[in-house]
C-alpha atoms as a PDB file:
ATOM      1  CA  MET A   1     -11.305  14.358 -11.310  1.00  0.00           C
ATOM      2  CA  ASN A   2     -12.031  16.572  -8.320  1.00  0.00           C
ATOM      3  CA  VAL A   3     -10.561  15.595  -4.972  1.00  0.00           C
ATOM      4  CA  LYS A   4     -13.030  15.037  -2.124  1.00  0.00           C
ATOM      5  CA  ASN A   5     -10.405  14.534   0.541  1.00  0.00           C
ATOM      6  CA  GLU A   6      -6.741  13.690   0.897  1.00  0.00           C
ATOM      7  CA  VAL A   7      -4.248  13.017   3.649  1.00  0.00           C
ATOM      8  CA  LYS A   8      -0.505  12.422   3.816  1.00  0.00           C
ATOM      9  CA  ILE A   9       1.124  10.771   6.807  1.00  0.00           C
ATOM     10  CA  ILE A  10       4.802  10.033   7.344  1.00  0.00           C
ATOM     11  CA  PHE A  11       5.697   7.487  10.009  1.00  0.00           C
ATOM     12  CA  PRO A  12       8.692   5.390  11.109  1.00  0.00           C
ATOM     13  CA  SER A  13       9.183   1.936   9.611  1.00  0.00           C
ATOM     14  CA  ASN A  14       8.325   0.196  12.881  1.00  0.00           C
ATOM     15  CA  SER A  15       6.280  -2.976  12.499  1.00  0.00           C
ATOM     16  CA  CYS A  16       3.607  -1.617  14.861  1.00  0.00           C
ATOM     17  CA  ASN A  17       2.881   1.129  12.320  1.00  0.00           C
ATOM     18  CA  GLU A  18       1.571  -1.407   9.811  1.00  0.00           C
ATOM     19  CA  ALA A  19      -1.615  -1.573  11.924  1.00  0.00           C
ATOM     20  CA  PHE A  20      -1.638   2.220  12.204  1.00  0.00           C
ATOM     21  CA  ALA A  21      -1.548   2.554   8.407  1.00  0.00           C
ATOM     22  CA  ARG A  22      -4.541   0.204   8.040  1.00  0.00           C
ATOM     23  CA  VAL A  23      -6.564   2.191  10.572  1.00  0.00           C
ATOM     24  CA  ALA A  24      -5.587   5.519   9.006  1.00  0.00           C
ATOM     25  CA  VAL A  25      -6.685   4.389   5.537  1.00  0.00           C
ATOM     26  CA  THR A  26      -9.933   2.986   6.928  1.00  0.00           C
ATOM     27  CA  SER A  27     -10.670   6.304   8.611  1.00  0.00           C
ATOM     28  CA  VAL A  28     -10.165   8.236   5.392  1.00  0.00           C
ATOM     29  CA  ILE A  29     -12.113   5.901   3.088  1.00  0.00           C
ATOM     30  CA  SER A  30     -15.050   5.611   5.502  1.00  0.00           C
ATOM     31  CA  ALA A  31     -16.386   8.834   3.976  1.00  0.00           C
ATOM     32  CA  LEU A  32     -17.224   6.820   0.848  1.00  0.00           C
ATOM     33  CA  ASP A  33     -19.378   4.330   2.804  1.00  0.00           C
ATOM     34  CA  PRO A  34     -17.514   1.215   1.631  1.00  0.00           C
ATOM     35  CA  THR A  35     -18.756  -2.287   2.362  1.00  0.00           C
ATOM     36  CA  VAL A  36     -17.058  -4.394   5.013  1.00  0.00           C
ATOM     37  CA  SER A  37     -15.513  -6.438   2.202  1.00  0.00           C
ATOM     38  CA  GLU A  38     -14.142  -3.345   0.432  1.00  0.00           C
ATOM     39  CA  ILE A  39     -12.627  -2.105   3.708  1.00  0.00           C
ATOM     40  CA  ALA A  40     -11.054  -5.486   4.456  1.00  0.00           C
ATOM     41  CA  GLU A  41      -9.530  -5.784   0.986  1.00  0.00           C
ATOM     42  CA  ILE A  42      -8.108  -2.257   0.987  1.00  0.00           C
ATOM     43  CA  LYS A  43      -6.720  -2.711   4.513  1.00  0.00           C
ATOM     44  CA  THR A  44      -5.050  -5.953   3.439  1.00  0.00           C
ATOM     45  CA  ALA A  45      -3.468  -4.314   0.382  1.00  0.00           C
ATOM     46  CA  VAL A  46      -2.178  -1.436   2.528  1.00  0.00           C
ATOM     47  CA  SER A  47      -0.853  -3.898   5.087  1.00  0.00           C
ATOM     48  CA  GLU A  48       1.074  -5.786   2.398  1.00  0.00           C
ATOM     49  CA  ALA A  49       2.569  -2.597   0.948  1.00  0.00           C
ATOM     50  CA  VAL A  50       3.648  -1.223   4.331  1.00  0.00           C
ATOM     51  CA  THR A  51       5.050  -4.599   5.378  1.00  0.00           C
ATOM     52  CA  ASN A  52       7.089  -4.666   2.142  1.00  0.00           C
ATOM     53  CA  CYS A  53       8.566  -1.274   3.070  1.00  0.00           C
ATOM     54  CA  ILE A  54       9.512  -2.506   6.536  1.00  0.00           C
ATOM     55  CA  VAL A  55      10.795  -5.977   5.622  1.00  0.00           C
ATOM     56  CA  HIS A  56      12.290  -5.414   2.176  1.00  0.00           C
ATOM     57  CA  GLY A  57      12.775  -1.664   1.800  1.00  0.00           C
ATOM     58  CA  TYR A  58      14.541  -1.072   5.075  1.00  0.00           C
ATOM     59  CA  ARG A  59      15.543  -4.657   5.925  1.00  0.00           C
ATOM     60  CA  ASN A  60      17.409  -4.369   9.233  1.00  0.00           C
ATOM     61  CA  THR A  61      17.507  -0.589   9.291  1.00  0.00           C
ATOM     62  CA  ALA A  62      14.989   2.128  10.077  1.00  0.00           C
ATOM     63  CA  GLY A  63      13.476   4.721   7.808  1.00  0.00           C
ATOM     64  CA  LYS A  64      10.323   6.632   7.030  1.00  0.00           C
ATOM     65  CA  ILE A  65       7.230   5.470   5.189  1.00  0.00           C
ATOM     66  CA  GLU A  66       4.957   7.933   3.434  1.00  0.00           C
ATOM     67  CA  LEU A  67       1.261   7.092   3.140  1.00  0.00           C
ATOM     68  CA  TYR A  68      -0.895   9.272   0.923  1.00  0.00           C
ATOM     69  CA  VAL A  69      -4.613   8.674   0.446  1.00  0.00           C
ATOM     70  CA  ARG A  70      -6.852  10.618  -1.941  1.00  0.00           C
ATOM     71  CA  LEU A  71     -10.585  10.245  -2.491  1.00  0.00           C
ATOM     72  CA  THR A  72     -12.127  11.573  -5.681  1.00  0.00           C
ATOM     73  CA  GLU A  73     -15.699  12.572  -6.506  1.00  0.00           C
ATOM     74  CA  ASP A  74     -16.216   9.414  -8.554  1.00  0.00           C
ATOM     75  CA  ASN A  75     -15.546   7.325  -5.389  1.00  0.00           C
ATOM     76  CA  THR A  76     -12.060   6.244  -6.405  1.00  0.00           C
ATOM     77  CA  VAL A  77      -9.505   5.671  -3.675  1.00  0.00           C
ATOM     78  CA  TYR A  78      -5.898   6.371  -4.631  1.00  0.00           C
ATOM     79  CA  ILE A  79      -3.247   5.172  -2.177  1.00  0.00           C
ATOM     80  CA  ARG A  80       0.486   5.798  -2.493  1.00  0.00           C
ATOM     81  CA  ILE A  81       2.919   4.079  -0.147  1.00  0.00           C
ATOM     82  CA  LYS A  82       6.530   5.114  -0.492  1.00  0.00           C
ATOM     83  CA  ASP A  83       9.843   4.301   1.158  1.00  0.00           C
ATOM     84  CA  THR A  84      13.384   5.527   0.593  1.00  0.00           C
ATOM     85  CA  GLY A  85      14.971   2.154   1.256  1.00  0.00           C
ATOM     86  CA  THR A  86      16.963  -0.335  -0.791  1.00  0.00           C
ATOM     87  CA  GLY A  87      14.726  -0.383  -3.856  1.00  0.00           C
ATOM     88  CA  ILE A  88      13.797  -3.332  -6.045  1.00  0.00           C
ATOM     89  CA  PRO A  89      16.317  -4.413  -8.696  1.00  0.00           C
ATOM     90  CA  ASP A  90      13.760  -6.328 -10.798  1.00  0.00           C
ATOM     91  CA  ILE A  91      10.129  -5.239 -10.290  1.00  0.00           C
ATOM     92  CA  LYS A  92       8.749  -7.793 -12.741  1.00  0.00           C
ATOM     93  CA  LYS A  93      10.452 -10.623 -10.837  1.00  0.00           C
ATOM     94  CA  ALA A  94       9.430  -9.196  -7.443  1.00  0.00           C
ATOM     95  CA  MET A  95       5.780  -9.147  -8.537  1.00  0.00           C
ATOM     96  CA  GLU A  96       5.767 -12.846  -9.429  1.00  0.00           C
ATOM     97  CA  PRO A  97       3.678 -14.858  -6.949  1.00  0.00           C
ATOM     98  CA  LEU A  98       5.811 -16.807  -4.453  1.00  0.00           C
ATOM     99  CA  TYR A  99       8.965 -14.783  -5.169  1.00  0.00           C
ATOM    100  CA  THR A 100      10.676 -13.393  -2.080  1.00  0.00           C
ATOM    101  CA  SER A 101      13.964 -11.594  -1.702  1.00  0.00           C
ATOM    102  CA  VAL A 102      14.370 -12.972   1.833  1.00  0.00           C
ATOM    103  CA  PRO A 103      13.634 -16.732   1.666  1.00  0.00           C
ATOM    104  CA  GLU A 104      15.578 -17.284   4.883  1.00  0.00           C
ATOM    105  CA  GLU A 105      12.753 -15.493   6.721  1.00  0.00           C
ATOM    106  CA  GLU A 106      10.202 -17.904   5.232  1.00  0.00           C
ATOM    107  CA  ARG A 107       8.228 -15.156   3.496  1.00  0.00           C
ATOM    108  CA  ALA A 108       5.352 -16.315   1.276  1.00  0.00           C
ATOM    109  CA  GLY A 109       6.134 -13.925  -1.570  1.00  0.00           C
ATOM    110  CA  LEU A 110       2.484 -13.052  -2.127  1.00  0.00           C
ATOM    111  CA  GLY A 111       2.430  -9.360  -1.174  1.00  0.00           C
ATOM    112  CA  PHE A 112       2.144  -7.913  -4.673  1.00  0.00           C
ATOM    113  CA  ALA A 113      -0.249 -10.675  -5.768  1.00  0.00           C
ATOM    114  CA  VAL A 114      -2.539  -9.816  -2.850  1.00  0.00           C
ATOM    115  CA  MET A 115      -2.385  -6.105  -3.700  1.00  0.00           C
ATOM    116  CA  GLU A 116      -3.214  -6.831  -7.350  1.00  0.00           C
ATOM    117  CA  ASN A 117      -6.096  -9.078  -6.351  1.00  0.00           C
ATOM    118  CA  PHE A 118      -7.708  -6.623  -3.922  1.00  0.00           C
ATOM    119  CA  MET A 119      -7.202  -3.372  -5.815  1.00  0.00           C
ATOM    120  CA  ASP A 120      -8.429  -2.373  -9.280  1.00  0.00           C
ATOM    121  CA  ARG A 121      -4.944  -1.361 -10.352  1.00  0.00           C
ATOM    122  CA  ILE A 122      -1.463  -1.079  -8.872  1.00  0.00           C
ATOM    123  CA  LYS A 123       1.723   0.454 -10.181  1.00  0.00           C
ATOM    124  CA  VAL A 124       5.146  -0.134  -8.674  1.00  0.00           C
ATOM    125  CA  THR A 125       8.174   2.033  -9.357  1.00  0.00           C
ATOM    126  CA  SER A 126      11.551   1.597  -7.749  1.00  0.00           C
ATOM    127  CA  LYS A 127      15.161   2.629  -7.980  1.00  0.00           C
ATOM    128  CA  GLU A 128      17.918   0.682  -6.280  1.00  0.00           C
ATOM    129  CA  GLY A 129      19.293   2.599  -3.318  1.00  0.00           C
ATOM    130  CA  LYS A 130      16.515   5.205  -3.596  1.00  0.00           C
ATOM    131  CA  GLY A 131      13.344   3.366  -2.602  1.00  0.00           C
ATOM    132  CA  THR A 132      10.035   2.066  -3.861  1.00  0.00           C
ATOM    133  CA  THR A 133       6.627   3.590  -4.500  1.00  0.00           C
ATOM    134  CA  VAL A 134       3.428   1.555  -4.737  1.00  0.00           C
ATOM    135  CA  LYS A 135       0.365   3.280  -6.180  1.00  0.00           C
ATOM    136  CA  MET A 136      -2.986   1.542  -5.761  1.00  0.00           C
ATOM    137  CA  TYR A 137      -6.427   2.433  -7.083  1.00  0.00           C
ATOM    138  CA  ARG A 138      -9.827   1.104  -6.064  1.00  0.00           C
ATOM    139  CA  LYS A 139     -13.317   2.237  -7.033  1.00  0.00           C
ATOM    140  CA  ILE A 140     -15.756   2.041  -4.133  1.00  0.00           C
ATOM    141  CA  CYS A 141     -18.903   0.684  -5.724  1.00  0.00           C
ATOM    142  CA  SER A 142     -21.209   0.908  -2.735  1.00  0.00           C
ATOM    143  CA  GLY A 143     -20.191   4.431  -1.807  1.00  0.00           C
ATOM    144  CA  LYS A 144     -22.231   7.548  -1.341  1.00  0.00           C
ATOM    145  CA  ASN A 145     -21.784  10.285  -3.847  1.00  0.00           C
ATOM    146  CA  THR A 146     -21.856  13.149  -1.338  1.00  0.00           C
END
């Protein structure tokens, strides 16, 4: 599929950059003329993925988060969010609703469930000590085909 547009941004794992990532993705996908609902759902999925990098990937340390967004001619949004943090020892377990690796922080454990609900497809890969990559796909149904 031909690429209409793409952008890659690398930013520090500061909690304030979670909002920045949402705005950046919204700016890129606006070219597809998404509905307010589509924007809100994609922003929420991005927010969950970036928050996972900050809270779980880097825990009490700092690192970099890579955000890559690609739009294709068939109005598909592909988003990749990647960290080089601690990694996930058991992805299947981590993706279970209500599971959290930091219960002492009273986390809901719904991040991956939210991403799965709001995106058409997600794929998570991770290696302990090397980091985690979340790939998300969403077809924009209301979009222009320009």
